[in-house]
Amino acid sequence: ELRDVKTYLPSGYKLNPLYPNPFNPTTTISYYILHSGHVMIEAYDIRGRLIDKIISEFHIAGYHLVRWDASLYPSGVYFISMEAGIFQATRKVLLIK
């Protein structure tokens, strides 16, 4: 039945753990948005400085994947931040070259 399927669907917005992590030089960012709208994903260094605007665009509701290529950046800890409507989440990743 449809209601059984519904129990397996996300109930809101979600930024999944990045994979792989640690990574070199690319990692996959997967996320779910409940409603269509503007999504912004950015990368920050350990000092909180914006280093890369990964995406800033309109997405339809559902699951999405984006790959981040960090080959231009040095090894270290980075924070991936996602904003969609009032939802905001951050994940930590480790780039090892």
Protein backbone atom coordinates (compact mmCIF):
# COMPACT_ATOMS: atom_id res chain seq x y z
CA GLU A 1 0.00 0.00 0.00
CA LEU A 2 1.02 3.59 -0.53
CA ARG A 3 1.10 4.34 3.19
CA ASP A 4 3.72 1.60 3.65
CA VAL A 5 5.94 3.22 1.03
CA LYS A 6 5.48 6.61 2.66
CA THR A 7 7.12 5.44 5.89
CA TYR A 8 10.41 5.03 4.01
CA LEU A 9 10.44 8.50 2.49
CA PRO A 10 12.34 11.32 4.23
CA SER A 11 10.05 13.61 6.17
CA GLY A 12 11.97 16.80 5.46
CA TYR A 13 15.33 18.07 4.30
CA LYS A 14 18.55 16.13 4.73
CA LEU A 15 22.25 16.53 4.00
CA ASN A 16 23.71 13.03 4.04
CA PRO A 17 27.26 12.20 5.17
CA LEU A 18 29.69 12.83 2.31
CA TYR A 19 31.21 9.82 0.58
CA PRO A 20 34.02 9.05 0.50
CA ASN A 21 35.34 10.78 3.60
CA PRO A 22 38.33 11.14 3.83
CA PHE A 23 38.61 11.82 0.09
CA ASN A 24 41.09 12.66 -2.68
CA PRO A 25 40.29 14.71 -4.70
CA THR A 26 36.49 14.30 -5.17
CA THR A 27 33.63 13.52 -2.80
CA THR A 28 29.91 13.10 -3.41
CA ILE A 29 27.36 15.29 -1.65
CA SER A 30 23.88 13.75 -1.53
CA TYR A 31 20.85 15.49 -0.16
CA TYR A 32 17.07 15.45 -0.08
CA ILE A 33 14.78 18.45 -0.33
CA LEU A 34 11.10 18.23 0.53
CA HIS A 35 10.00 21.19 -1.60
CA SER A 36 11.34 22.57 -4.87
CA GLY A 37 13.40 25.71 -4.38
CA HIS A 38 16.79 27.35 -4.29
CA VAL A 39 19.64 25.21 -2.94
CA MET A 40 23.06 26.55 -2.01
CA ILE A 41 26.01 24.33 -1.13
CA GLU A 42 29.33 25.91 -0.19
CA ALA A 43 32.71 24.75 1.10
CA TYR A 44 34.54 26.48 3.96
CA ASP A 45 38.06 25.96 5.24
CA ILE A 46 38.95 25.25 8.88
CA ARG A 47 39.07 29.02 9.59
CA GLY A 48 35.51 29.48 8.33
CA ARG A 49 36.47 31.20 5.08
CA LEU A 50 34.32 30.49 2.02
CA ILE A 51 36.53 28.72 -0.51
CA ASP A 52 34.07 27.31 -3.07
CA LYS A 53 30.46 27.89 -4.09
CA ILE A 54 29.65 24.34 -5.16
CA ILE A 55 26.06 25.00 -6.31
CA SER A 56 23.54 27.81 -6.08
CA GLU A 57 20.50 26.91 -8.15
CA PHE A 58 16.86 25.87 -8.24
CA HIS A 59 16.14 22.18 -7.64
CA ILE A 60 12.93 20.20 -7.77
CA ALA A 61 11.94 18.26 -4.65
CA GLY A 62 13.65 14.89 -4.15
CA TYR A 63 17.10 13.34 -3.95
CA HIS A 64 20.09 15.02 -5.55
CA LEU A 65 23.81 14.32 -5.91
CA VAL A 66 26.68 16.68 -6.63
CA ARG A 67 30.40 15.92 -6.77
CA TRP A 68 32.88 18.32 -5.24
CA ASP A 69 36.31 18.41 -6.86
CA ALA A 70 38.79 19.75 -4.31
CA SER A 71 41.90 19.16 -6.42
CA LEU A 72 42.76 22.89 -6.24
CA TYR A 73 42.80 22.92 -2.42
CA PRO A 74 45.40 21.71 0.09
CA SER A 75 44.91 18.72 2.38
CA GLY A 76 42.89 19.50 5.46
CA VAL A 77 39.49 19.72 7.10
CA TYR A 78 36.65 21.40 5.21
CA PHE A 79 33.03 22.12 6.05
CA ILE A 80 30.29 21.63 3.48
CA SER A 81 27.28 23.82 4.19
CA MET A 82 23.85 23.41 2.60
CA GLU A 83 20.97 25.88 2.70
CA ALA A 84 17.51 25.24 1.24
CA GLY A 85 14.72 27.50 2.43
CA ILE A 86 14.95 27.60 6.23
CA PHE A 87 16.95 24.34 6.31
CA GLN A 88 20.67 24.60 7.04
CA ALA A 89 23.15 21.80 7.71
CA THR A 90 26.92 21.37 7.73
CA ARG A 91 29.12 18.31 7.28
CA LYS A 92 32.83 17.98 7.99
CA VAL A 93 35.11 16.32 5.42
CA LEU A 94 38.80 15.53 5.31
CA LEU A 95 40.83 15.99 2.12
CA ILE A 96 43.99 13.87 2.10
CA LYS A 97 46.39 14.24 -0.80
